[in-house]
C-alpha atoms as a PDB file:
ATOM      1  CA  MET A   1     -12.329  -8.066  12.785  1.00  0.00           C
ATOM      2  CA  GLN A   2     -15.121  -5.744  12.885  1.00  0.00           C
ATOM      3  CA  VAL A   3     -13.867  -2.304  12.347  1.00  0.00           C
ATOM      4  CA  ASP A   4     -15.597   1.221  11.365  1.00  0.00           C
ATOM      5  CA  LEU A   5     -13.679   0.959   8.399  1.00  0.00           C
ATOM      6  CA  MET A   6     -14.874   4.407   7.151  1.00  0.00           C
ATOM      7  CA  ALA A   7     -13.679   6.406  10.496  1.00  0.00           C
ATOM      8  CA  LYS A   8     -10.222   4.538  10.502  1.00  0.00           C
ATOM      9  CA  ALA A   9      -9.570   5.480   7.242  1.00  0.00           C
ATOM     10  CA  LYS A  10     -10.898   9.215   7.354  1.00  0.00           C
ATOM     11  CA  GLN A  11      -7.952   9.333  10.176  1.00  0.00           C
ATOM     12  CA  ILE A  12      -5.130   8.247   8.034  1.00  0.00           C
ATOM     13  CA  LYS A  13      -1.886   9.799   6.235  1.00  0.00           C
ATOM     14  CA  LEU A  14       0.097   7.541   5.250  1.00  0.00           C
ATOM     15  CA  LEU A  15      -0.340   4.520   3.130  1.00  0.00           C
ATOM     16  CA  ILE A  16       2.290   2.022   3.352  1.00  0.00           C
ATOM     17  CA  LEU A  17       2.485  -1.016   0.620  1.00  0.00           C
ATOM     18  CA  ASP A  18       4.000  -4.405   0.611  1.00  0.00           C
ATOM     19  CA  VAL A  19       6.050  -5.402  -3.010  1.00  0.00           C
ATOM     20  CA  ASP A  20       5.155  -8.605  -4.190  1.00  0.00           C
ATOM     21  CA  GLY A  21       1.818 -10.042  -3.479  1.00  0.00           C
ATOM     22  CA  VAL A  22       0.392  -6.235  -3.121  1.00  0.00           C
ATOM     23  CA  MET A  23       1.860  -3.936  -5.827  1.00  0.00           C
ATOM     24  CA  SER A  24       2.296  -7.214  -8.360  1.00  0.00           C
ATOM     25  CA  ASP A  25       0.053 -10.478  -7.990  1.00  0.00           C
ATOM     26  CA  GLY A  26       3.301 -11.714  -6.272  1.00  0.00           C
ATOM     27  CA  ARG A  27       4.520 -13.774  -9.287  1.00  0.00           C
ATOM     28  CA  ILE A  28       7.975 -13.269 -10.167  1.00  0.00           C
ATOM     29  CA  ILE A  29       9.068 -13.998 -13.751  1.00  0.00           C
ATOM     30  CA  VAL A  30      12.783 -14.990 -14.598  1.00  0.00           C
ATOM     31  CA  THR A  31      14.319 -14.386 -18.099  1.00  0.00           C
ATOM     32  CA  ASP A  32      17.098 -16.557 -19.211  1.00  0.00           C
ATOM     33  CA  SER A  33      19.601 -13.774 -18.585  1.00  0.00           C
ATOM     34  CA  GLY A  34      18.136 -14.054 -14.807  1.00  0.00           C
ATOM     35  CA  ASP A  35      16.146 -11.006 -14.972  1.00  0.00           C
ATOM     36  CA  GLU A  36      12.827 -10.244 -12.509  1.00  0.00           C
ATOM     37  CA  ILE A  37       9.710  -9.473 -14.508  1.00  0.00           C
ATOM     38  CA  LYS A  38       6.602  -8.172 -12.512  1.00  0.00           C
ATOM     39  CA  ALA A  39       3.405  -6.646 -13.507  1.00  0.00           C
ATOM     40  CA  PHE A  40       1.766  -3.543 -12.202  1.00  0.00           C
ATOM     41  CA  HIS A  41      -1.390  -2.591 -12.528  1.00  0.00           C
ATOM     42  CA  VAL A  42      -2.627   1.412 -14.356  1.00  0.00           C
ATOM     43  CA  GLN A  43      -5.730   1.453 -12.126  1.00  0.00           C
ATOM     44  CA  ASP A  44      -3.440   1.421  -8.591  1.00  0.00           C
ATOM     45  CA  GLY A  45      -0.874   3.666 -10.158  1.00  0.00           C
ATOM     46  CA  LEU A  46      -3.274   6.236 -10.695  1.00  0.00           C
ATOM     47  CA  GLY A  47      -5.025   5.335  -7.582  1.00  0.00           C
ATOM     48  CA  ILE A  48      -1.503   6.233  -5.749  1.00  0.00           C
ATOM     49  CA  GLN A  49      -0.545   9.377  -7.706  1.00  0.00           C
ATOM     50  CA  PHE A  50      -4.459  10.360  -6.448  1.00  0.00           C
ATOM     51  CA  LEU A  51      -3.715   9.953  -3.199  1.00  0.00           C
ATOM     52  CA  LEU A  52      -0.176  12.422  -3.199  1.00  0.00           C
ATOM     53  CA  GLU A  53      -1.893  14.787  -5.027  1.00  0.00           C
ATOM     54  CA  SER A  54      -4.407  15.066  -2.503  1.00  0.00           C
ATOM     55  CA  GLY A  55      -1.687  15.624   0.577  1.00  0.00           C
ATOM     56  CA  LEU A  56      -1.888  12.192   1.624  1.00  0.00           C
ATOM     57  CA  GLN A  57       2.147  10.325   2.038  1.00  0.00           C
ATOM     58  CA  VAL A  58       2.780   7.212   0.141  1.00  0.00           C
ATOM     59  CA  ALA A  59       5.770   4.744   1.238  1.00  0.00           C
ATOM     60  CA  VAL A  60       6.862   1.283   0.377  1.00  0.00           C
ATOM     61  CA  ILE A  61       8.101  -1.082   2.427  1.00  0.00           C
ATOM     62  CA  THR A  62       9.385  -4.293   0.883  1.00  0.00           C
ATOM     63  CA  GLY A  63      11.670  -7.405   1.711  1.00  0.00           C
ATOM     64  CA  ARG A  64      12.881  -7.669  -1.218  1.00  0.00           C
ATOM     65  CA  ASP A  65      15.524  -5.452  -3.128  1.00  0.00           C
ATOM     66  CA  THR A  66      14.772  -5.690  -7.414  1.00  0.00           C
ATOM     67  CA  PRO A  67      15.481  -2.902  -9.784  1.00  0.00           C
ATOM     68  CA  SER A  68      11.783  -3.399 -11.401  1.00  0.00           C
ATOM     69  CA  VAL A  69      10.292  -1.893  -7.818  1.00  0.00           C
ATOM     70  CA  THR A  70      12.768   1.124  -8.072  1.00  0.00           C
ATOM     71  CA  ALA A  71      11.756   2.121 -11.580  1.00  0.00           C
ATOM     72  CA  ARG A  72       8.405   1.699 -10.429  1.00  0.00           C
ATOM     73  CA  ILE A  73       8.196   3.425  -7.185  1.00  0.00           C
ATOM     74  CA  LYS A  74      10.407   6.556  -9.493  1.00  0.00           C
ATOM     75  CA  LYS A  75       8.137   7.043 -12.072  1.00  0.00           C
ATOM     76  CA  LEU A  76       4.823   6.880  -9.694  1.00  0.00           C
ATOM     77  CA  LYS A  77       6.965   9.428  -7.698  1.00  0.00           C
ATOM     78  CA  ILE A  78       6.476   7.937  -4.388  1.00  0.00           C
ATOM     79  CA  PRO A  79       8.674   9.555  -1.966  1.00  0.00           C
ATOM     80  CA  PHE A  80       9.331   6.772   0.455  1.00  0.00           C
ATOM     81  CA  LEU A  81      11.142   3.163  -0.500  1.00  0.00           C
ATOM     82  CA  TYR A  82      12.898   1.068   2.133  1.00  0.00           C
ATOM     83  CA  GLN A  83      13.821  -2.208   0.112  1.00  0.00           C
ATOM     84  CA  GLY A  84      15.483  -5.051   1.462  1.00  0.00           C
ATOM     85  CA  GLN A  85      13.395  -5.040   5.004  1.00  0.00           C
ATOM     86  CA  LEU A  86      13.132  -8.095   6.018  1.00  0.00           C
ATOM     87  CA  ASN A  87      11.861  -6.495   9.596  1.00  0.00           C
ATOM     88  CA  LYS A  88       9.368  -4.142   8.744  1.00  0.00           C
ATOM     89  CA  ILE A  89       9.341  -2.286  11.964  1.00  0.00           C
ATOM     90  CA  GLN A  90      13.178   0.179  11.634  1.00  0.00           C
ATOM     91  CA  ALA A  91      11.651   1.589   8.651  1.00  0.00           C
ATOM     92  CA  PHE A  92       8.139   2.089   9.617  1.00  0.00           C
ATOM     93  CA  GLU A  93       9.423   4.044  12.765  1.00  0.00           C
ATOM     94  CA  GLU A  94      11.288   5.986  10.628  1.00  0.00           C
ATOM     95  CA  LEU A  95       8.634   7.154   8.279  1.00  0.00           C
ATOM     96  CA  LEU A  96       6.455   8.082  11.840  1.00  0.00           C
ATOM     97  CA  ALA A  97       9.697  10.224  13.148  1.00  0.00           C
ATOM     98  CA  LYS A  98       9.949  11.793   9.438  1.00  0.00           C
ATOM     99  CA  LEU A  99       6.337  12.589   9.095  1.00  0.00           C
ATOM    100  CA  HIS A 100       5.856  13.614  12.472  1.00  0.00           C
ATOM    101  CA  LEU A 101       3.147  11.103  12.838  1.00  0.00           C
ATOM    102  CA  LYS A 102       1.237   8.717  15.141  1.00  0.00           C
ATOM    103  CA  PRO A 103      -0.135   5.216  14.143  1.00  0.00           C
ATOM    104  CA  GLU A 104      -2.983   5.254  14.396  1.00  0.00           C
ATOM    105  CA  GLN A 105      -2.502   7.776  11.111  1.00  0.00           C
ATOM    106  CA  THR A 106      -1.232   5.168   8.887  1.00  0.00           C
ATOM    107  CA  ALA A 107      -2.011   2.293   6.980  1.00  0.00           C
ATOM    108  CA  HIS A 108      -0.722  -1.153   5.661  1.00  0.00           C
ATOM    109  CA  ILE A 109      -1.119  -3.233   2.460  1.00  0.00           C
ATOM    110  CA  GLY A 110      -0.332  -6.509   3.122  1.00  0.00           C
ATOM    111  CA  ASP A 111      -0.198  -9.863   1.960  1.00  0.00           C
ATOM    112  CA  ASP A 112       2.267 -12.365   4.195  1.00  0.00           C
ATOM    113  CA  LEU A 113       3.569 -13.651   7.443  1.00  0.00           C
ATOM    114  CA  PRO A 114       6.517 -10.437   7.521  1.00  0.00           C
ATOM    115  CA  ASP A 115       3.317  -7.337   7.160  1.00  0.00           C
ATOM    116  CA  ILE A 116       1.823  -8.953  10.066  1.00  0.00           C
ATOM    117  CA  ALA A 117       4.166  -6.829  12.591  1.00  0.00           C
ATOM    118  CA  LEU A 118       3.434  -3.873  10.429  1.00  0.00           C
ATOM    119  CA  PHE A 119      -0.755  -4.904  10.862  1.00  0.00           C
ATOM    120  CA  LYS A 120      -0.702  -5.013  14.422  1.00  0.00           C
ATOM    121  CA  ARG A 121       1.080  -1.312  14.901  1.00  0.00           C
ATOM    122  CA  VAL A 122      -0.923   0.661  12.289  1.00  0.00           C
ATOM    123  CA  GLY A 123      -4.204   2.652  12.663  1.00  0.00           C
ATOM    124  CA  LEU A 124      -5.345   0.394   9.647  1.00  0.00           C
ATOM    125  CA  ALA A 125      -4.374  -2.665   8.405  1.00  0.00           C
ATOM    126  CA  ILE A 126      -5.018  -3.619   5.012  1.00  0.00           C
ATOM    127  CA  ALA A 127      -4.778  -7.599   3.605  1.00  0.00           C
ATOM    128  CA  VAL A 128      -5.683  -8.662  -0.488  1.00  0.00           C
ATOM    129  CA  PRO A 129      -7.652 -11.327  -0.684  1.00  0.00           C
ATOM    130  CA  ASN A 130      -4.610 -13.597  -1.972  1.00  0.00           C
ATOM    131  CA  ALA A 131      -3.421 -12.886   1.014  1.00  0.00           C
ATOM    132  CA  VAL A 132      -2.071 -16.299   3.184  1.00  0.00           C
ATOM    133  CA  PRO A 133      -4.530 -17.071   5.810  1.00  0.00           C
ATOM    134  CA  LEU A 134      -2.353 -15.555   9.280  1.00  0.00           C
ATOM    135  CA  ALA A 135      -2.243 -12.166   7.858  1.00  0.00           C
ATOM    136  CA  LYS A 136      -5.718 -12.119   6.874  1.00  0.00           C
ATOM    137  CA  GLU A 137      -6.590 -12.386  10.677  1.00  0.00           C
ATOM    138  CA  TYR A 138      -4.715  -9.692  11.462  1.00  0.00           C
ATOM    139  CA  ALA A 139      -6.096  -7.197   9.206  1.00  0.00           C
ATOM    140  CA  HIS A 140      -9.027  -4.407   9.773  1.00  0.00           C
ATOM    141  CA  TRP A 141      -9.873  -5.151   5.749  1.00  0.00           C
ATOM    142  CA  VAL A 142      -9.255  -7.532   3.346  1.00  0.00           C
ATOM    143  CA  THR A 143      -9.649  -5.785  -0.396  1.00  0.00           C
ATOM    144  CA  GLU A 144     -12.058  -7.491  -2.993  1.00  0.00           C
ATOM    145  CA  ALA A 145      -9.384  -7.038  -5.463  1.00  0.00           C
ATOM    146  CA  SER A 146      -6.269  -9.136  -5.620  1.00  0.00           C
ATOM    147  CA  GLY A 147      -2.658  -8.031  -5.085  1.00  0.00           C
ATOM    148  CA  GLY A 148      -1.703  -6.251  -8.306  1.00  0.00           C
ATOM    149  CA  LEU A 149      -5.104  -6.363  -9.583  1.00  0.00           C
ATOM    150  CA  GLY A 150      -6.029  -3.208  -8.493  1.00  0.00           C
ATOM    151  CA  ALA A 151      -6.403  -3.679  -4.610  1.00  0.00           C
ATOM    152  CA  ILE A 152      -4.108  -0.402  -4.232  1.00  0.00           C
ATOM    153  CA  ARG A 153      -6.828   1.499  -6.056  1.00  0.00           C
ATOM    154  CA  GLU A 154      -9.749   0.028  -4.241  1.00  0.00           C
ATOM    155  CA  VAL A 155      -8.087   1.445  -0.815  1.00  0.00           C
ATOM    156  CA  CYS A 156      -6.878   4.585  -2.821  1.00  0.00           C
ATOM    157  CA  ASP A 157     -10.607   5.739  -3.722  1.00  0.00           C
ATOM    158  CA  LEU A 158     -11.418   4.423   0.144  1.00  0.00           C
ATOM    159  CA  LEU A 159      -9.129   6.649   2.033  1.00  0.00           C
ATOM    160  CA  LEU A 160     -10.378   9.777  -0.458  1.00  0.00           C
ATOM    161  CA  LYS A 161     -14.218   9.311  -0.271  1.00  0.00           C
ATOM    162  CA  ALA A 162     -13.591   8.707   3.762  1.00  0.00           C
ATOM    163  CA  GLN A 163     -11.363  12.235   3.975  1.00  0.00           C
ATOM    164  CA  ASP A 164     -14.131  13.850   1.533  1.00  0.00           C
ATOM    165  CA  LEU A 165     -11.082  13.906  -0.938  1.00  0.00           C
ATOM    166  CA  TRP A 166     -12.855  12.214  -3.672  1.00  0.00           C
ATOM    167  CA  PRO A 167     -15.632  14.696  -4.957  1.00  0.00           C
ATOM    168  CA  ALA A 168     -12.319  16.757  -6.189  1.00  0.00           C
ATOM    169  CA  ILE A 169     -10.779  14.189  -7.959  1.00  0.00           C
ATOM    170  CA  GLU A 170     -14.063  12.847  -9.633  1.00  0.00           C
ATOM    171  CA  LYS A 171     -14.449  16.234 -11.079  1.00  0.00           C
ATOM    172  CA  ARG A 172     -11.503  17.001 -12.831  1.00  0.00           C
ATOM    173  CA  PHE A 173     -12.947  14.005 -15.175  1.00  0.00           C
ATOM    174  CA  ILE A 174     -16.427  14.043 -15.188  1.00  0.00           C
ATOM    175  CA  CYS A 175     -18.001  17.212 -16.990  1.00  0.00           C
END
């Protein structure tokens, strides 16, 4: 699907993230005691912080409900978390109403079939390379980095650059 990626990215006010396969690499490690462990990429977290500091909104909508996700979202200060959402549309519509946004002002990063419904509604649908083939078919863009390995940071940097917010971020670190 050929799109003007930068033009779409310039309009985005809300980035919606999936968790398994996007914020993490999709693997779930279960300890002998039954606890689940996920790994999150530090550069993704910094990219999310850059978005939030720049005035963009970030939300997480995920089908599963796990304490590790709750802890990570709290640490990153992501204001909107919807867990246990097998049908992600209801949470999406709630976010649109709460933030007074139009669908074309939203982007979603996903990797599997439950993400396709959002891909069909958002202004910028983004899949990760480790996404299932059908999800990739509905995406406007597929990142170079895989889920859990920097894909979110890649998207954050794109949004910041498209909206001319990147120079202020860069200036903070390059003296």
